[in-house]
């Protein structure tokens, strides 16, 4: 009798497991609303779908729900996508993340191959001129070229550095942006004398040695790279935890990360991103105070070839 009962229970359990597996296997993902990840406009809208397709496929398999990485054309589109509740997650550098951070929870950050999880910039001058500078305030009013106002190590790192000395890189310098947003253009402009100072990533000058007619004046602040964050208005915090764990478990160098040049994702802390977002929020206040109502702030010049 016991054997018969045990056998019946086993059959029943097998049937339940089979049914459960069958349900999961039989899910029609095409009929489900996708989980949207809003991408900051720093990602090329034309290339992003192909770059993020492997990662989207990985998360889709782990969550058993379709995942879609949504490119955006500009900051306004990115911000509205998040604030209107159309995205459950964001993947953005701290500059764009700052605009939506009050409604997000930091999960993980990118870990770039050969670079890691932090960016750091340099200020460069024409070779032989670094010794002429004694005080940072003396630089006020000089010509300065940055890689891009989206750049962490070719703009933000240096912006935070100057702020420590009471200078605003946007308002206190004759600022220009590299035509094609490359560090090589900044170096060339400084070497030729077109710009007195340049802002470039630290890796452009290994060992901080002179190169291509330019040399390092000073090293600047470290800032965290892209963050993957959960949008609170979407409500499903359990989903946030599942995505965080899934991203952390991707093995180093996994093929799904190759198109993004990532080694993996690592746990991020709210504090390191708060440091940047708080700085950028204060920067907006300071600019408003320095720019009288009805008066436009000095324009940033983008040099053309």
C-alpha atoms as a PDB file:
ATOM      1  CA  UNK A   1       0.000   0.000   0.000  1.00  0.00           C
ATOM      2  CA  UNK A   2       2.848   2.357   0.959  1.00  0.00           C
ATOM      3  CA  UNK A   3       4.670   1.602  -2.279  1.00  0.00           C
ATOM      4  CA  UNK A   4       1.507   2.297  -4.303  1.00  0.00           C
ATOM      5  CA  UNK A   5       0.984   5.621  -2.509  1.00  0.00           C
ATOM      6  CA  UNK A   6       4.618   6.658  -2.950  1.00  0.00           C
ATOM      7  CA  UNK A   7       4.447   5.799  -6.641  1.00  0.00           C
ATOM      8  CA  UNK A   8       1.265   7.847  -7.043  1.00  0.00           C
ATOM      9  CA  UNK A   9       2.815  10.856  -5.309  1.00  0.00           C
ATOM     10  CA  UNK A  10       5.897  10.591  -7.505  1.00  0.00           C
ATOM     11  CA  UNK A  11       3.738  10.470 -10.627  1.00  0.00           C
ATOM     12  CA  UNK A  12       1.799  13.501  -9.456  1.00  0.00           C
ATOM     13  CA  UNK A  13       4.977  15.478  -8.719  1.00  0.00           C
ATOM     14  CA  UNK A  14       6.396  14.552 -12.109  1.00  0.00           C
ATOM     15  CA  UNK A  15       3.207  15.753 -13.777  1.00  0.00           C
ATOM     16  CA  UNK A  16       3.319  19.086 -11.930  1.00  0.00           C
ATOM     17  CA  UNK A  17       6.960  19.657 -12.848  1.00  0.00           C
ATOM     18  CA  UNK A  18       6.287  18.733 -16.446  1.00  0.00           C
ATOM     19  CA  UNK A  19       3.333  21.079 -16.604  1.00  0.00           C
ATOM     20  CA  UNK A  20       5.369  23.874 -15.043  1.00  0.00           C
ATOM     21  CA  UNK A  21       8.217  23.342 -17.510  1.00  0.00           C
ATOM     22  CA  UNK A  22       5.735  23.182 -20.366  1.00  0.00           C
ATOM     23  CA  UNK A  23       4.178  26.496 -19.343  1.00  0.00           C
ATOM     24  CA  UNK A  24       7.556  28.219 -19.231  1.00  0.00           C
ATOM     25  CA  UNK A  25       8.652  26.681 -22.478  1.00  0.00           C
ATOM     26  CA  UNK A  26       5.404  27.576 -24.128  1.00  0.00           C
ATOM     27  CA  UNK A  27       5.423  31.284 -23.221  1.00  0.00           C
ATOM     28  CA  UNK A  28       4.808  33.513 -26.218  1.00  0.00           C
ATOM     29  CA  UNK A  29       7.162  36.394 -25.501  1.00  0.00           C
ATOM     30  CA  UNK A  30       6.006  38.248 -28.612  1.00  0.00           C
ATOM     31  CA  UNK A  31       2.657  38.919 -26.933  1.00  0.00           C
ATOM     32  CA  UNK A  32       4.206  40.307 -23.740  1.00  0.00           C
ATOM     33  CA  UNK A  33       4.988  43.969 -23.054  1.00  0.00           C
ATOM     34  CA  UNK A  34       8.779  44.393 -23.085  1.00  0.00           C
ATOM     35  CA  UNK A  35      10.802  45.542 -20.108  1.00  0.00           C
ATOM     36  CA  UNK A  36      12.293  48.785 -21.399  1.00  0.00           C
ATOM     37  CA  UNK A  37      15.805  49.974 -20.561  1.00  0.00           C
ATOM     38  CA  UNK A  38      16.267  53.643 -21.492  1.00  0.00           C
ATOM     39  CA  UNK A  39      19.688  54.305 -23.024  1.00  0.00           C
ATOM     40  CA  UNK A  40      21.262  57.734 -22.641  1.00  0.00           C
ATOM     41  CA  UNK A  41      21.976  59.590 -25.920  1.00  0.00           C
ATOM     42  CA  UNK A  42      25.701  58.895 -25.507  1.00  0.00           C
ATOM     43  CA  UNK A  43      24.949  55.592 -27.232  1.00  0.00           C
ATOM     44  CA  UNK A  44      24.644  55.830 -31.016  1.00  0.00           C
ATOM     45  CA  UNK A  45      20.946  55.309 -31.819  1.00  0.00           C
ATOM     46  CA  UNK A  46      21.813  53.575 -35.102  1.00  0.00           C
ATOM     47  CA  UNK A  47      24.339  51.143 -33.599  1.00  0.00           C
ATOM     48  CA  UNK A  48      22.782  50.536 -30.181  1.00  0.00           C
ATOM     49  CA  UNK A  49      20.183  47.925 -31.225  1.00  0.00           C
ATOM     50  CA  UNK A  50      22.891  45.589 -32.559  1.00  0.00           C
ATOM     51  CA  UNK A  51      25.288  46.318 -29.689  1.00  0.00           C
ATOM     52  CA  UNK A  52      22.707  45.561 -26.998  1.00  0.00           C
ATOM     53  CA  UNK A  53      20.923  42.680 -28.746  1.00  0.00           C
ATOM     54  CA  UNK A  54      23.043  39.938 -27.087  1.00  0.00           C
ATOM     55  CA  UNK A  55      22.553  41.454 -23.630  1.00  0.00           C
ATOM     56  CA  UNK A  56      18.824  41.868 -24.257  1.00  0.00           C
ATOM     57  CA  UNK A  57      18.629  38.207 -25.262  1.00  0.00           C
ATOM     58  CA  UNK A  58      20.482  37.144 -22.132  1.00  0.00           C
ATOM     59  CA  UNK A  59      18.166  39.104 -19.829  1.00  0.00           C
ATOM     60  CA  UNK A  60      15.103  37.905 -21.721  1.00  0.00           C
ATOM     61  CA  UNK A  61      16.112  34.302 -21.095  1.00  0.00           C
ATOM     62  CA  UNK A  62      16.826  34.936 -17.418  1.00  0.00           C
ATOM     63  CA  UNK A  63      13.629  36.868 -16.715  1.00  0.00           C
ATOM     64  CA  UNK A  64      11.370  34.974 -19.154  1.00  0.00           C
ATOM     65  CA  UNK A  65      10.110  38.355 -20.274  1.00  0.00           C
ATOM     66  CA  UNK A  66      11.186  40.344 -23.349  1.00  0.00           C
ATOM     67  CA  UNK A  67      13.794  43.053 -22.651  1.00  0.00           C
ATOM     68  CA  UNK A  68      14.262  46.030 -24.952  1.00  0.00           C
ATOM     69  CA  UNK A  69      17.090  48.575 -24.851  1.00  0.00           C
ATOM     70  CA  UNK A  70      15.605  51.860 -26.099  1.00  0.00           C
ATOM     71  CA  UNK A  71      18.025  54.416 -27.629  1.00  0.00           C
ATOM     72  CA  UNK A  72      17.240  58.128 -27.249  1.00  0.00           C
ATOM     73  CA  UNK A  73      18.162  61.078 -29.451  1.00  0.00           C
ATOM     74  CA  UNK A  74      18.766  63.673 -26.744  1.00  0.00           C
ATOM     75  CA  UNK A  75      18.588  64.391 -23.039  1.00  0.00           C
ATOM     76  CA  UNK A  76      14.980  65.550 -23.181  1.00  0.00           C
ATOM     77  CA  UNK A  77      13.811  62.326 -24.834  1.00  0.00           C
ATOM     78  CA  UNK A  78      15.786  60.228 -22.355  1.00  0.00           C
ATOM     79  CA  UNK A  79      14.431  62.135 -19.356  1.00  0.00           C
ATOM     80  CA  UNK A  80      10.792  62.031 -20.504  1.00  0.00           C
ATOM     81  CA  UNK A  81      10.996  58.307 -21.269  1.00  0.00           C
ATOM     82  CA  UNK A  82      12.005  57.682 -17.653  1.00  0.00           C
ATOM     83  CA  UNK A  83       9.882  60.274 -15.872  1.00  0.00           C
ATOM     84  CA  UNK A  84       6.719  59.282 -17.748  1.00  0.00           C
ATOM     85  CA  UNK A  85       7.151  55.704 -16.545  1.00  0.00           C
ATOM     86  CA  UNK A  86       7.800  54.268 -20.006  1.00  0.00           C
ATOM     87  CA  UNK A  87      11.083  52.661 -18.906  1.00  0.00           C
ATOM     88  CA  UNK A  88      11.695  50.254 -16.027  1.00  0.00           C
ATOM     89  CA  UNK A  89      15.467  50.713 -16.077  1.00  0.00           C
ATOM     90  CA  UNK A  90      18.076  53.185 -17.278  1.00  0.00           C
ATOM     91  CA  UNK A  91      21.614  52.663 -18.512  1.00  0.00           C
ATOM     92  CA  UNK A  92      23.466  55.964 -18.638  1.00  0.00           C
ATOM     93  CA  UNK A  93      26.607  57.805 -17.656  1.00  0.00           C
ATOM     94  CA  UNK A  94      26.377  60.045 -14.554  1.00  0.00           C
ATOM     95  CA  UNK A  95      25.844  63.207 -16.617  1.00  0.00           C
ATOM     96  CA  UNK A  96      22.524  61.972 -18.022  1.00  0.00           C
ATOM     97  CA  UNK A  97      21.671  59.835 -15.019  1.00  0.00           C
ATOM     98  CA  UNK A  98      21.719  63.011 -12.893  1.00  0.00           C
ATOM     99  CA  UNK A  99      18.542  64.238 -14.627  1.00  0.00           C
ATOM    100  CA  UNK A 100      16.532  61.200 -13.509  1.00  0.00           C
ATOM    101  CA  UNK A 101      18.420  60.051 -10.416  1.00  0.00           C
ATOM    102  CA  UNK A 102      15.789  61.264  -7.960  1.00  0.00           C
ATOM    103  CA  UNK A 103      13.454  58.536  -9.215  1.00  0.00           C
ATOM    104  CA  UNK A 104      15.966  55.702  -9.577  1.00  0.00           C
ATOM    105  CA  UNK A 105      17.810  53.106  -7.518  1.00  0.00           C
ATOM    106  CA  UNK A 106      21.417  52.324  -8.462  1.00  0.00           C
ATOM    107  CA  UNK A 107      21.997  48.617  -9.212  1.00  0.00           C
ATOM    108  CA  UNK A 108      25.272  47.866 -11.010  1.00  0.00           C
ATOM    109  CA  UNK A 109      27.876  49.754 -13.020  1.00  0.00           C
ATOM    110  CA  UNK A 110      29.823  48.905 -16.139  1.00  0.00           C
ATOM    111  CA  UNK A 111      33.304  47.422 -15.941  1.00  0.00           C
ATOM    112  CA  UNK A 112      35.178  48.328 -19.115  1.00  0.00           C
ATOM    113  CA  UNK A 113      37.969  46.210 -20.527  1.00  0.00           C
ATOM    114  CA  UNK A 114      41.279  47.934 -19.818  1.00  0.00           C
ATOM    115  CA  UNK A 115      39.604  50.838 -18.029  1.00  0.00           C
ATOM    116  CA  UNK A 116      37.560  49.471 -15.164  1.00  0.00           C
ATOM    117  CA  UNK A 117      34.646  51.174 -13.426  1.00  0.00           C
ATOM    118  CA  UNK A 118      35.997  54.712 -13.060  1.00  0.00           C
ATOM    119  CA  UNK A 119      36.948  57.467 -15.519  1.00  0.00           C
ATOM    120  CA  UNK A 120      39.595  60.092 -14.939  1.00  0.00           C
ATOM    121  CA  UNK A 121      40.706  63.051 -16.993  1.00  0.00           C
ATOM    122  CA  UNK A 122      43.761  65.240 -17.483  1.00  0.00           C
ATOM    123  CA  UNK A 123      44.314  68.893 -18.280  1.00  0.00           C
ATOM    124  CA  UNK A 124      47.030  69.292 -20.887  1.00  0.00           C
ATOM    125  CA  UNK A 125      49.095  72.203 -22.216  1.00  0.00           C
ATOM    126  CA  UNK A 126      51.541  72.689 -25.056  1.00  0.00           C
ATOM    127  CA  UNK A 127      54.756  70.785 -24.406  1.00  0.00           C
ATOM    128  CA  UNK A 128      57.142  72.853 -22.281  1.00  0.00           C
ATOM    129  CA  UNK A 129      54.467  75.160 -20.853  1.00  0.00           C
ATOM    130  CA  UNK A 130      53.345  73.211 -17.764  1.00  0.00           C
ATOM    131  CA  UNK A 131      55.960  74.923 -15.581  1.00  0.00           C
ATOM    132  CA  UNK A 132      54.486  78.363 -16.345  1.00  0.00           C
ATOM    133  CA  UNK A 133      51.324  77.710 -14.317  1.00  0.00           C
ATOM    134  CA  UNK A 134      51.456  78.455 -10.602  1.00  0.00           C
ATOM    135  CA  UNK A 135      47.807  78.849  -9.579  1.00  0.00           C
ATOM    136  CA  UNK A 136      44.598  77.359 -10.990  1.00  0.00           C
ATOM    137  CA  UNK A 137      42.738  80.719 -10.770  1.00  0.00           C
ATOM    138  CA  UNK A 138      45.362  82.158 -13.155  1.00  0.00           C
ATOM    139  CA  UNK A 139      43.852  80.006 -15.878  1.00  0.00           C
ATOM    140  CA  UNK A 140      40.561  81.918 -15.846  1.00  0.00           C
ATOM    141  CA  UNK A 141      39.684  83.455 -19.219  1.00  0.00           C
ATOM    142  CA  UNK A 142      41.987  81.136 -21.179  1.00  0.00           C
ATOM    143  CA  UNK A 143      41.010  79.125 -24.241  1.00  0.00           C
ATOM    144  CA  UNK A 144      40.007  75.568 -23.345  1.00  0.00           C
ATOM    145  CA  UNK A 145      38.972  72.629 -25.544  1.00  0.00           C
ATOM    146  CA  UNK A 146      37.024  69.624 -24.263  1.00  0.00           C
ATOM    147  CA  UNK A 147      36.283  66.309 -25.965  1.00  0.00           C
ATOM    148  CA  UNK A 148      32.515  66.616 -25.499  1.00  0.00           C
ATOM    149  CA  UNK A 149      30.079  67.834 -22.884  1.00  0.00           C
ATOM    150  CA  UNK A 150      28.870  64.217 -22.698  1.00  0.00           C
ATOM    151  CA  UNK A 151      32.371  62.991 -21.816  1.00  0.00           C
ATOM    152  CA  UNK A 152      33.248  61.807 -18.329  1.00  0.00           C
ATOM    153  CA  UNK A 153      37.039  61.986 -18.716  1.00  0.00           C
ATOM    154  CA  UNK A 154      37.156  64.727 -21.339  1.00  0.00           C
ATOM    155  CA  UNK A 155      34.851  67.191 -19.553  1.00  0.00           C
ATOM    156  CA  UNK A 156      33.169  66.143 -16.279  1.00  0.00           C
ATOM    157  CA  UNK A 157      36.354  65.074 -14.478  1.00  0.00           C
ATOM    158  CA  UNK A 158      37.952  68.425 -15.285  1.00  0.00           C
ATOM    159  CA  UNK A 159      34.755  70.332 -14.490  1.00  0.00           C
ATOM    160  CA  UNK A 160      34.778  68.904 -10.967  1.00  0.00           C
ATOM    161  CA  UNK A 161      38.476  69.723 -10.630  1.00  0.00           C
ATOM    162  CA  UNK A 162      37.985  73.400 -11.482  1.00  0.00           C
ATOM    163  CA  UNK A 163      34.968  73.655  -9.185  1.00  0.00           C
ATOM    164  CA  UNK A 164      37.293  72.988  -6.210  1.00  0.00           C
ATOM    165  CA  UNK A 165      39.049  76.247  -7.075  1.00  0.00           C
ATOM    166  CA  UNK A 166      35.810  78.160  -7.586  1.00  0.00           C
ATOM    167  CA  UNK A 167      35.950  78.114 -11.383  1.00  0.00           C
ATOM    168  CA  UNK A 168      33.206  77.045 -13.788  1.00  0.00           C
ATOM    169  CA  UNK A 169      34.651  75.442 -16.904  1.00  0.00           C
ATOM    170  CA  UNK A 170      31.622  76.612 -18.913  1.00  0.00           C
ATOM    171  CA  UNK A 171      31.553  80.227 -17.736  1.00  0.00           C
ATOM    172  CA  UNK A 172      35.132  81.089 -16.789  1.00  0.00           C
ATOM    173  CA  UNK A 173      36.902  79.941 -19.955  1.00  0.00           C
ATOM    174  CA  UNK A 174      36.683  80.547 -23.666  1.00  0.00           C
ATOM    175  CA  UNK A 175      35.406  76.998 -24.209  1.00  0.00           C
ATOM    176  CA  UNK A 176      35.311  74.995 -27.422  1.00  0.00           C
ATOM    177  CA  UNK A 177      34.389  71.391 -28.221  1.00  0.00           C
ATOM    178  CA  UNK A 178      36.406  69.040 -30.448  1.00  0.00           C
ATOM    179  CA  UNK A 179      34.717  68.851 -33.896  1.00  0.00           C
ATOM    180  CA  UNK A 180      34.386  65.055 -33.919  1.00  0.00           C
ATOM    181  CA  UNK A 181      34.542  64.619 -30.153  1.00  0.00           C
ATOM    182  CA  UNK A 182      37.931  62.904 -30.121  1.00  0.00           C
ATOM    183  CA  UNK A 183      40.804  63.339 -27.687  1.00  0.00           C
ATOM    184  CA  UNK A 184      43.283  63.388 -30.598  1.00  0.00           C
ATOM    185  CA  UNK A 185      41.673  66.599 -31.869  1.00  0.00           C
ATOM    186  CA  UNK A 186      42.066  68.187 -28.438  1.00  0.00           C
ATOM    187  CA  UNK A 187      45.737  67.201 -28.268  1.00  0.00           C
ATOM    188  CA  UNK A 188      46.361  68.587 -31.766  1.00  0.00           C
ATOM    189  CA  UNK A 189      44.629  71.881 -30.889  1.00  0.00           C
ATOM    190  CA  UNK A 190      46.762  72.308 -27.767  1.00  0.00           C
ATOM    191  CA  UNK A 191      50.013  71.362 -29.552  1.00  0.00           C
ATOM    192  CA  UNK A 192      49.318  73.889 -32.331  1.00  0.00           C
ATOM    193  CA  UNK A 193      48.378  76.664 -29.908  1.00  0.00           C
ATOM    194  CA  UNK A 194      44.759  76.797 -31.079  1.00  0.00           C
ATOM    195  CA  UNK A 195      43.754  76.135 -27.453  1.00  0.00           C
ATOM    196  CA  UNK A 196      45.839  76.951 -24.381  1.00  0.00           C
ATOM    197  CA  UNK A 197      44.419  74.020 -22.408  1.00  0.00           C
ATOM    198  CA  UNK A 198      42.776  70.727 -23.266  1.00  0.00           C
ATOM    199  CA  UNK A 199      40.704  68.125 -21.434  1.00  0.00           C
ATOM    200  CA  UNK A 200      41.455  64.500 -22.327  1.00  0.00           C
ATOM    201  CA  UNK A 201      41.201  61.008 -20.772  1.00  0.00           C
ATOM    202  CA  UNK A 202      44.076  59.920 -18.540  1.00  0.00           C
ATOM    203  CA  UNK A 203      44.927  56.956 -20.790  1.00  0.00           C
ATOM    204  CA  UNK A 204      45.959  59.342 -23.605  1.00  0.00           C
ATOM    205  CA  UNK A 205      49.186  60.077 -21.695  1.00  0.00           C
ATOM    206  CA  UNK A 206      50.516  56.816 -20.182  1.00  0.00           C
ATOM    207  CA  UNK A 207      52.784  57.595 -17.260  1.00  0.00           C
ATOM    208  CA  UNK A 208      51.832  61.273 -17.744  1.00  0.00           C
ATOM    209  CA  UNK A 209      54.699  61.654 -20.198  1.00  0.00           C
ATOM    210  CA  UNK A 210      54.663  64.308 -22.994  1.00  0.00           C
ATOM    211  CA  UNK A 211      53.244  63.140 -26.311  1.00  0.00           C
ATOM    212  CA  UNK A 212      52.405  64.645 -29.717  1.00  0.00           C
ATOM    213  CA  UNK A 213      53.521  68.129 -28.728  1.00  0.00           C
ATOM    214  CA  UNK A 214      51.513  68.331 -25.509  1.00  0.00           C
ATOM    215  CA  UNK A 215      52.125  67.526 -21.852  1.00  0.00           C
ATOM    216  CA  UNK A 216      50.134  66.972 -18.696  1.00  0.00           C
ATOM    217  CA  UNK A 217      49.405  69.946 -16.463  1.00  0.00           C
ATOM    218  CA  UNK A 218      47.436  68.048 -13.837  1.00  0.00           C
ATOM    219  CA  UNK A 219      45.368  64.935 -13.219  1.00  0.00           C
ATOM    220  CA  UNK A 220      41.697  65.458 -12.301  1.00  0.00           C
ATOM    221  CA  UNK A 221      38.839  63.788 -10.414  1.00  0.00           C
ATOM    222  CA  UNK A 222      37.748  60.172 -10.758  1.00  0.00           C
ATOM    223  CA  UNK A 223      34.111  59.671 -11.728  1.00  0.00           C
ATOM    224  CA  UNK A 224      32.084  56.428 -12.033  1.00  0.00           C
ATOM    225  CA  UNK A 225      31.143  55.122 -15.469  1.00  0.00           C
ATOM    226  CA  UNK A 226      27.717  54.034 -16.784  1.00  0.00           C
ATOM    227  CA  UNK A 227      25.203  52.916 -14.181  1.00  0.00           C
ATOM    228  CA  UNK A 228      22.360  50.422 -14.633  1.00  0.00           C
ATOM    229  CA  UNK A 229      19.536  51.689 -12.406  1.00  0.00           C
ATOM    230  CA  UNK A 230      15.961  50.700 -11.554  1.00  0.00           C
ATOM    231  CA  UNK A 231      13.160  53.224 -12.134  1.00  0.00           C
ATOM    232  CA  UNK A 232      11.060  53.350  -8.966  1.00  0.00           C
ATOM    233  CA  UNK A 233       7.847  54.464 -10.656  1.00  0.00           C
ATOM    234  CA  UNK A 234       7.719  51.098 -12.443  1.00  0.00           C
ATOM    235  CA  UNK A 235       6.927  49.622  -9.031  1.00  0.00           C
ATOM    236  CA  UNK A 236       8.314  46.086  -9.329  1.00  0.00           C
ATOM    237  CA  UNK A 237      11.334  46.200  -7.015  1.00  0.00           C
ATOM    238  CA  UNK A 238      11.643  42.408  -7.134  1.00  0.00           C
ATOM    239  CA  UNK A 239      12.308  42.763 -10.855  1.00  0.00           C
ATOM    240  CA  UNK A 240      15.067  45.237 -10.030  1.00  0.00           C
ATOM    241  CA  UNK A 241      16.728  42.658  -7.811  1.00  0.00           C
ATOM    242  CA  UNK A 242      16.452  39.962 -10.459  1.00  0.00           C
ATOM    243  CA  UNK A 243      18.062  42.168 -13.096  1.00  0.00           C
ATOM    244  CA  UNK A 244      20.839  43.235 -10.717  1.00  0.00           C
ATOM    245  CA  UNK A 245      21.679  39.616  -9.899  1.00  0.00           C
ATOM    246  CA  UNK A 246      21.486  38.526 -13.542  1.00  0.00           C
ATOM    247  CA  UNK A 247      23.893  41.261 -14.648  1.00  0.00           C
ATOM    248  CA  UNK A 248      26.365  40.557 -11.838  1.00  0.00           C
ATOM    249  CA  UNK A 249      26.456  36.863 -12.738  1.00  0.00           C
ATOM    250  CA  UNK A 250      27.526  37.380 -16.348  1.00  0.00           C
ATOM    251  CA  UNK A 251      31.025  35.824 -16.511  1.00  0.00           C
ATOM    252  CA  UNK A 252      33.963  38.084 -17.254  1.00  0.00           C
ATOM    253  CA  UNK A 253      34.503  38.328 -20.983  1.00  0.00           C
ATOM    254  CA  UNK A 254      31.204  36.626 -21.868  1.00  0.00           C
ATOM    255  CA  UNK A 255      30.264  37.032 -25.585  1.00  0.00           C
ATOM    256  CA  UNK A 256      27.127  39.025 -24.693  1.00  0.00           C
ATOM    257  CA  UNK A 257      29.413  41.784 -23.371  1.00  0.00           C
ATOM    258  CA  UNK A 258      31.848  41.909 -26.286  1.00  0.00           C
ATOM    259  CA  UNK A 259      29.872  44.382 -28.478  1.00  0.00           C
ATOM    260  CA  UNK A 260      29.787  46.780 -25.518  1.00  0.00           C
ATOM    261  CA  UNK A 261      33.533  46.406 -24.780  1.00  0.00           C
ATOM    262  CA  UNK A 262      32.678  45.374 -21.238  1.00  0.00           C
ATOM    263  CA  UNK A 263      34.340  42.836 -18.992  1.00  0.00           C
ATOM    264  CA  UNK A 264      31.223  42.664 -16.879  1.00  0.00           C
ATOM    265  CA  UNK A 265      28.980  44.467 -14.407  1.00  0.00           C
ATOM    266  CA  UNK A 266      29.865  45.064 -10.784  1.00  0.00           C
ATOM    267  CA  UNK A 267      27.862  46.214  -7.779  1.00  0.00           C
ATOM    268  CA  UNK A 268      27.437  49.985  -7.652  1.00  0.00           C
ATOM    269  CA  UNK A 269      26.859  52.127  -4.581  1.00  0.00           C
ATOM    270  CA  UNK A 270      24.366  54.961  -4.424  1.00  0.00           C
ATOM    271  CA  UNK A 271      26.899  57.218  -2.694  1.00  0.00           C
ATOM    272  CA  UNK A 272      29.409  57.340  -5.559  1.00  0.00           C
ATOM    273  CA  UNK A 273      26.709  58.413  -8.005  1.00  0.00           C
ATOM    274  CA  UNK A 274      25.135  60.810  -5.516  1.00  0.00           C
ATOM    275  CA  UNK A 275      28.475  62.637  -5.342  1.00  0.00           C
ATOM    276  CA  UNK A 276      28.254  63.384  -9.070  1.00  0.00           C
ATOM    277  CA  UNK A 277      24.516  64.041  -9.284  1.00  0.00           C
ATOM    278  CA  UNK A 278      24.647  66.412  -6.303  1.00  0.00           C
ATOM    279  CA  UNK A 279      27.550  68.257  -7.910  1.00  0.00           C
ATOM    280  CA  UNK A 280      25.658  68.661 -11.193  1.00  0.00           C
ATOM    281  CA  UNK A 281      22.506  69.815  -9.382  1.00  0.00           C
ATOM    282  CA  UNK A 282      24.503  72.468  -7.519  1.00  0.00           C
ATOM    283  CA  UNK A 283      26.175  73.475 -10.785  1.00  0.00           C
ATOM    284  CA  UNK A 284      22.769  74.309 -12.271  1.00  0.00           C
ATOM    285  CA  UNK A 285      21.955  76.477  -9.263  1.00  0.00           C
ATOM    286  CA  UNK A 286      25.320  78.259  -9.453  1.00  0.00           C
ATOM    287  CA  UNK A 287      24.887  78.942 -13.161  1.00  0.00           C
ATOM    288  CA  UNK A 288      21.403  80.362 -12.608  1.00  0.00           C
ATOM    289  CA  UNK A 289      22.788  82.699  -9.956  1.00  0.00           C
ATOM    290  CA  UNK A 290      25.675  83.848 -12.156  1.00  0.00           C
ATOM    291  CA  UNK A 291      23.510  84.325 -15.243  1.00  0.00           C
ATOM    292  CA  UNK A 292      20.994  87.178 -14.760  1.00  0.00           C
ATOM    293  CA  UNK A 293      17.397  86.484 -15.804  1.00  0.00           C
ATOM    294  CA  UNK A 294      16.945  87.081 -19.512  1.00  0.00           C
ATOM    295  CA  UNK A 295      20.670  86.867 -20.203  1.00  0.00           C
ATOM    296  CA  UNK A 296      21.963  83.812 -22.007  1.00  0.00           C
ATOM    297  CA  UNK A 297      25.043  82.047 -20.677  1.00  0.00           C
ATOM    298  CA  UNK A 298      28.177  82.267 -22.861  1.00  0.00           C
ATOM    299  CA  UNK A 299      27.873  79.905 -25.797  1.00  0.00           C
ATOM    300  CA  UNK A 300      30.194  76.963 -26.183  1.00  0.00           C
ATOM    301  CA  UNK A 301      31.966  77.075 -29.533  1.00  0.00           C
ATOM    302  CA  UNK A 302      32.346  73.871 -31.508  1.00  0.00           C
ATOM    303  CA  UNK A 303      35.354  74.282 -33.761  1.00  0.00           C
ATOM    304  CA  UNK A 304      34.795  73.289 -37.376  1.00  0.00           C
ATOM    305  CA  UNK A 305      37.354  71.999 -39.785  1.00  0.00           C
END
